[in-house]
Amino acid sequence: MSINRIGFSLSVVLVVSYILCLVFDQLVPQYSMHEMWAPLLPGFSVTLAGIAIGFVELIAYGWYVAVLYVFAHRYSPVG
């Protein structure tokens, strides 16, 4: 199990979900989801800088989860 594959793929999934949510917010503003992103992504706001901060944080979260998952998978006593 490669940490690079897991890290990149998880980061891509998170960023694509983020982009889809941002597009959805623009298409259907009455069902806006930016209130959900704010507590999960410190520094997030609906500005270019805030969106960029969200991208960076999601990539970091993807790698963080990948490190935890691969470590747990490699060193778990089961298997």
N, C-alpha and C. Protein backbone atom coordinates (compact mmCIF):
# COMPACT_ATOMS: atom_id res chain seq x y z
N MET A 1 0.85 -1.16 0.00
CA MET A 1 0.00 0.00 0.00
C MET A 1 0.90 1.24 0.00
N SER A 2 0.72 2.06 -1.00
CA SER A 2 1.57 3.24 -1.17
C SER A 2 0.91 4.47 -0.54
N ILE A 3 1.66 5.12 0.31
CA ILE A 3 1.14 6.34 0.93
C ILE A 3 0.94 7.44 -0.11
N ASN A 4 1.78 7.44 -1.15
CA ASN A 4 1.62 8.45 -2.21
C ASN A 4 0.30 8.28 -2.95
N ARG A 5 -0.04 7.05 -3.29
CA ARG A 5 -1.31 6.81 -3.99
C ARG A 5 -2.50 7.20 -3.14
N ILE A 6 -2.47 6.79 -1.89
CA ILE A 6 -3.58 7.09 -0.99
C ILE A 6 -3.67 8.61 -0.76
N GLY A 7 -2.54 9.25 -0.52
CA GLY A 7 -2.54 10.69 -0.27
C GLY A 7 -3.03 11.50 -1.46
N PHE A 8 -2.52 11.18 -2.65
CA PHE A 8 -2.96 11.91 -3.84
C PHE A 8 -4.43 11.64 -4.15
N SER A 9 -4.84 10.38 -4.09
CA SER A 9 -6.23 10.07 -4.45
C SER A 9 -7.21 10.67 -3.45
N LEU A 10 -6.90 10.61 -2.17
CA LEU A 10 -7.79 11.20 -1.18
C LEU A 10 -7.84 12.72 -1.32
N SER A 11 -6.72 13.34 -1.58
CA SER A 11 -6.69 14.79 -1.79
C SER A 11 -7.50 15.18 -3.02
N VAL A 12 -7.40 14.40 -4.08
CA VAL A 12 -8.16 14.70 -5.30
C VAL A 12 -9.66 14.57 -5.03
N VAL A 13 -10.06 13.53 -4.33
CA VAL A 13 -11.48 13.35 -4.01
C VAL A 13 -12.00 14.54 -3.18
N LEU A 14 -11.24 14.96 -2.20
CA LEU A 14 -11.66 16.09 -1.37
C LEU A 14 -11.74 17.39 -2.17
N VAL A 15 -10.75 17.64 -3.02
CA VAL A 15 -10.74 18.88 -3.81
C VAL A 15 -11.87 18.87 -4.84
N VAL A 16 -12.12 17.74 -5.48
CA VAL A 16 -13.22 17.67 -6.45
C VAL A 16 -14.56 17.89 -5.74
N SER A 17 -14.74 17.31 -4.57
CA SER A 17 -15.97 17.54 -3.80
C SER A 17 -16.12 19.01 -3.44
N TYR A 18 -15.02 19.62 -3.06
CA TYR A 18 -15.00 21.05 -2.71
C TYR A 18 -15.40 21.90 -3.91
N ILE A 19 -14.84 21.60 -5.06
CA ILE A 19 -15.17 22.35 -6.28
C ILE A 19 -16.64 22.18 -6.63
N LEU A 20 -17.14 20.94 -6.54
CA LEU A 20 -18.55 20.70 -6.84
C LEU A 20 -19.45 21.48 -5.88
N CYS A 21 -19.08 21.54 -4.61
CA CYS A 21 -19.87 22.31 -3.64
C CYS A 21 -19.84 23.80 -3.96
N LEU A 22 -18.68 24.31 -4.35
CA LEU A 22 -18.58 25.73 -4.70
C LEU A 22 -19.41 26.05 -5.94
N VAL A 23 -19.40 25.16 -6.92
CA VAL A 23 -20.21 25.36 -8.13
C VAL A 23 -21.69 25.29 -7.76
N PHE A 24 -22.06 24.32 -6.92
CA PHE A 24 -23.44 24.18 -6.48
C PHE A 24 -23.91 25.44 -5.77
N ASP A 25 -23.04 26.02 -4.95
CA ASP A 25 -23.39 27.27 -4.25
C ASP A 25 -23.71 28.39 -5.23
N GLN A 26 -23.00 28.43 -6.35
CA GLN A 26 -23.24 29.48 -7.34
C GLN A 26 -24.51 29.22 -8.15
N LEU A 27 -24.80 27.94 -8.41
CA LEU A 27 -25.97 27.60 -9.21
C LEU A 27 -27.27 27.69 -8.40
N VAL A 28 -27.21 27.27 -7.15
CA VAL A 28 -28.40 27.24 -6.30
C VAL A 28 -28.07 27.93 -4.97
N PRO A 29 -28.04 29.25 -4.95
CA PRO A 29 -27.58 29.95 -3.75
C PRO A 29 -28.48 29.77 -2.52
N GLN A 30 -29.76 29.45 -2.71
CA GLN A 30 -30.62 29.27 -1.54
C GLN A 30 -30.28 28.00 -0.76
N TYR A 31 -29.55 27.08 -1.37
CA TYR A 31 -29.10 25.87 -0.69
C TYR A 31 -27.58 25.90 -0.49
N SER A 32 -27.07 27.06 -0.22
CA SER A 32 -25.63 27.27 -0.09
C SER A 32 -25.03 26.39 1.00
N MET A 33 -23.84 25.88 0.72
CA MET A 33 -23.17 24.98 1.65
C MET A 33 -21.92 25.60 2.25
N HIS A 34 -21.67 26.88 2.01
CA HIS A 34 -20.44 27.46 2.53
C HIS A 34 -20.45 27.55 4.06
N GLU A 35 -21.63 27.53 4.68
CA GLU A 35 -21.67 27.51 6.14
C GLU A 35 -21.10 26.20 6.68
N MET A 36 -21.22 25.13 5.91
CA MET A 36 -20.67 23.85 6.34
C MET A 36 -19.14 23.84 6.25
N TRP A 37 -18.60 24.51 5.24
CA TRP A 37 -17.14 24.50 5.06
C TRP A 37 -16.43 25.34 6.10
N ALA A 38 -17.06 26.40 6.58
CA ALA A 38 -16.38 27.34 7.48
C ALA A 38 -15.84 26.68 8.76
N PRO A 39 -16.61 25.85 9.48
CA PRO A 39 -16.02 25.23 10.68
C PRO A 39 -14.96 24.18 10.36
N LEU A 40 -15.07 23.54 9.21
CA LEU A 40 -14.13 22.48 8.85
C LEU A 40 -12.82 23.03 8.31
N LEU A 41 -12.87 24.21 7.72
CA LEU A 41 -11.69 24.80 7.08
C LEU A 41 -11.42 26.18 7.68
N PRO A 42 -10.59 26.26 8.70
CA PRO A 42 -10.28 27.57 9.30
C PRO A 42 -9.70 28.53 8.27
N GLY A 43 -10.22 29.73 8.23
CA GLY A 43 -9.75 30.72 7.28
C GLY A 43 -10.56 30.75 5.99
N PHE A 44 -11.50 29.81 5.83
CA PHE A 44 -12.31 29.76 4.62
C PHE A 44 -13.31 30.89 4.61
N SER A 45 -13.45 31.51 3.46
CA SER A 45 -14.51 32.48 3.19
C SER A 45 -14.75 32.44 1.69
N VAL A 46 -15.83 33.04 1.26
CA VAL A 46 -16.15 33.01 -0.17
C VAL A 46 -15.46 34.18 -0.86
N THR A 47 -14.14 34.11 -0.86
CA THR A 47 -13.28 35.05 -1.59
C THR A 47 -12.21 34.20 -2.27
N LEU A 48 -11.47 34.78 -3.18
CA LEU A 48 -10.42 34.01 -3.85
C LEU A 48 -9.38 33.51 -2.85
N ALA A 49 -8.99 34.36 -1.92
CA ALA A 49 -8.01 33.94 -0.91
C ALA A 49 -8.58 32.84 -0.02
N GLY A 50 -9.83 32.99 0.39
CA GLY A 50 -10.47 31.98 1.24
C GLY A 50 -10.62 30.64 0.53
N ILE A 51 -10.96 30.68 -0.75
CA ILE A 51 -11.09 29.45 -1.52
C ILE A 51 -9.73 28.78 -1.68
N ALA A 52 -8.69 29.57 -1.91
CA ALA A 52 -7.33 29.01 -2.02
C ALA A 52 -6.90 28.37 -0.70
N ILE A 53 -7.23 29.02 0.42
CA ILE A 53 -6.92 28.44 1.72
C ILE A 53 -7.64 27.11 1.88
N GLY A 54 -8.89 27.05 1.42
CA GLY A 54 -9.65 25.80 1.48
C GLY A 54 -8.99 24.69 0.68
N PHE A 55 -8.48 25.01 -0.51
CA PHE A 55 -7.77 24.00 -1.31
C PHE A 55 -6.56 23.46 -0.56
N VAL A 56 -5.76 24.35 -0.01
CA VAL A 56 -4.55 23.93 0.70
C VAL A 56 -4.91 23.07 1.91
N GLU A 57 -5.92 23.48 2.65
CA GLU A 57 -6.32 22.71 3.83
C GLU A 57 -6.86 21.35 3.46
N LEU A 58 -7.62 21.25 2.39
CA LEU A 58 -8.15 19.95 1.98
C LEU A 58 -7.04 19.01 1.53
N ILE A 59 -6.06 19.54 0.84
CA ILE A 59 -4.92 18.70 0.45
C ILE A 59 -4.18 18.22 1.70
N ALA A 60 -4.00 19.11 2.66
CA ALA A 60 -3.34 18.72 3.92
C ALA A 60 -4.16 17.68 4.66
N TYR A 61 -5.48 17.84 4.72
CA TYR A 61 -6.34 16.85 5.37
C TYR A 61 -6.25 15.50 4.67
N GLY A 62 -6.22 15.52 3.34
CA GLY A 62 -6.10 14.27 2.59
C GLY A 62 -4.83 13.52 2.93
N TRP A 63 -3.72 14.23 3.00
CA TRP A 63 -2.44 13.59 3.34
C TRP A 63 -2.41 13.14 4.79
N TYR A 64 -3.02 13.92 5.67
CA TYR A 64 -3.07 13.55 7.09
C TYR A 64 -3.82 12.23 7.27
N VAL A 65 -4.98 12.12 6.65
CA VAL A 65 -5.77 10.89 6.75
C VAL A 65 -5.02 9.74 6.09
N ALA A 66 -4.35 9.99 4.98
CA ALA A 66 -3.58 8.94 4.31
C ALA A 66 -2.47 8.41 5.20
N VAL A 67 -1.76 9.30 5.88
CA VAL A 67 -0.69 8.87 6.78
C VAL A 67 -1.26 8.01 7.90
N LEU A 68 -2.36 8.45 8.50
CA LEU A 68 -2.98 7.66 9.57
C LEU A 68 -3.45 6.30 9.07
N TYR A 69 -4.08 6.28 7.90
CA TYR A 69 -4.62 5.03 7.37
C TYR A 69 -3.51 4.05 7.01
N VAL A 70 -2.51 4.51 6.31
CA VAL A 70 -1.41 3.62 5.90
C VAL A 70 -0.65 3.13 7.12
N PHE A 71 -0.40 3.99 8.08
CA PHE A 71 0.28 3.57 9.30
C PHE A 71 -0.54 2.50 10.02
N ALA A 72 -1.84 2.73 10.16
CA ALA A 72 -2.70 1.74 10.83
C ALA A 72 -2.75 0.44 10.05
N HIS A 73 -2.77 0.52 8.74
CA HIS A 73 -2.84 -0.69 7.91
C HIS A 73 -1.54 -1.49 8.00
N ARG A 74 -0.42 -0.80 7.94
CA ARG A 74 0.88 -1.50 7.95
C ARG A 74 1.20 -2.11 9.30
N TYR A 75 0.84 -1.45 10.37
CA TYR A 75 1.27 -1.88 11.69
C TYR A 75 0.16 -2.47 12.55
N SER A 76 -0.98 -2.76 11.95
CA SER A 76 -2.04 -3.39 12.73
C SER A 76 -1.70 -4.87 12.92
N PRO A 77 -2.04 -5.43 14.07
CA PRO A 77 -1.71 -6.83 14.32
C PRO A 77 -2.59 -7.81 13.57
N VAL A 78 -3.69 -7.35 13.02
CA VAL A 78 -4.60 -8.22 12.29
C VAL A 78 -4.09 -8.39 10.86
N GLY A 79 -4.12 -9.59 10.36
CA GLY A 79 -3.77 -9.80 8.97
C GLY A 79 -2.54 -10.57 8.81
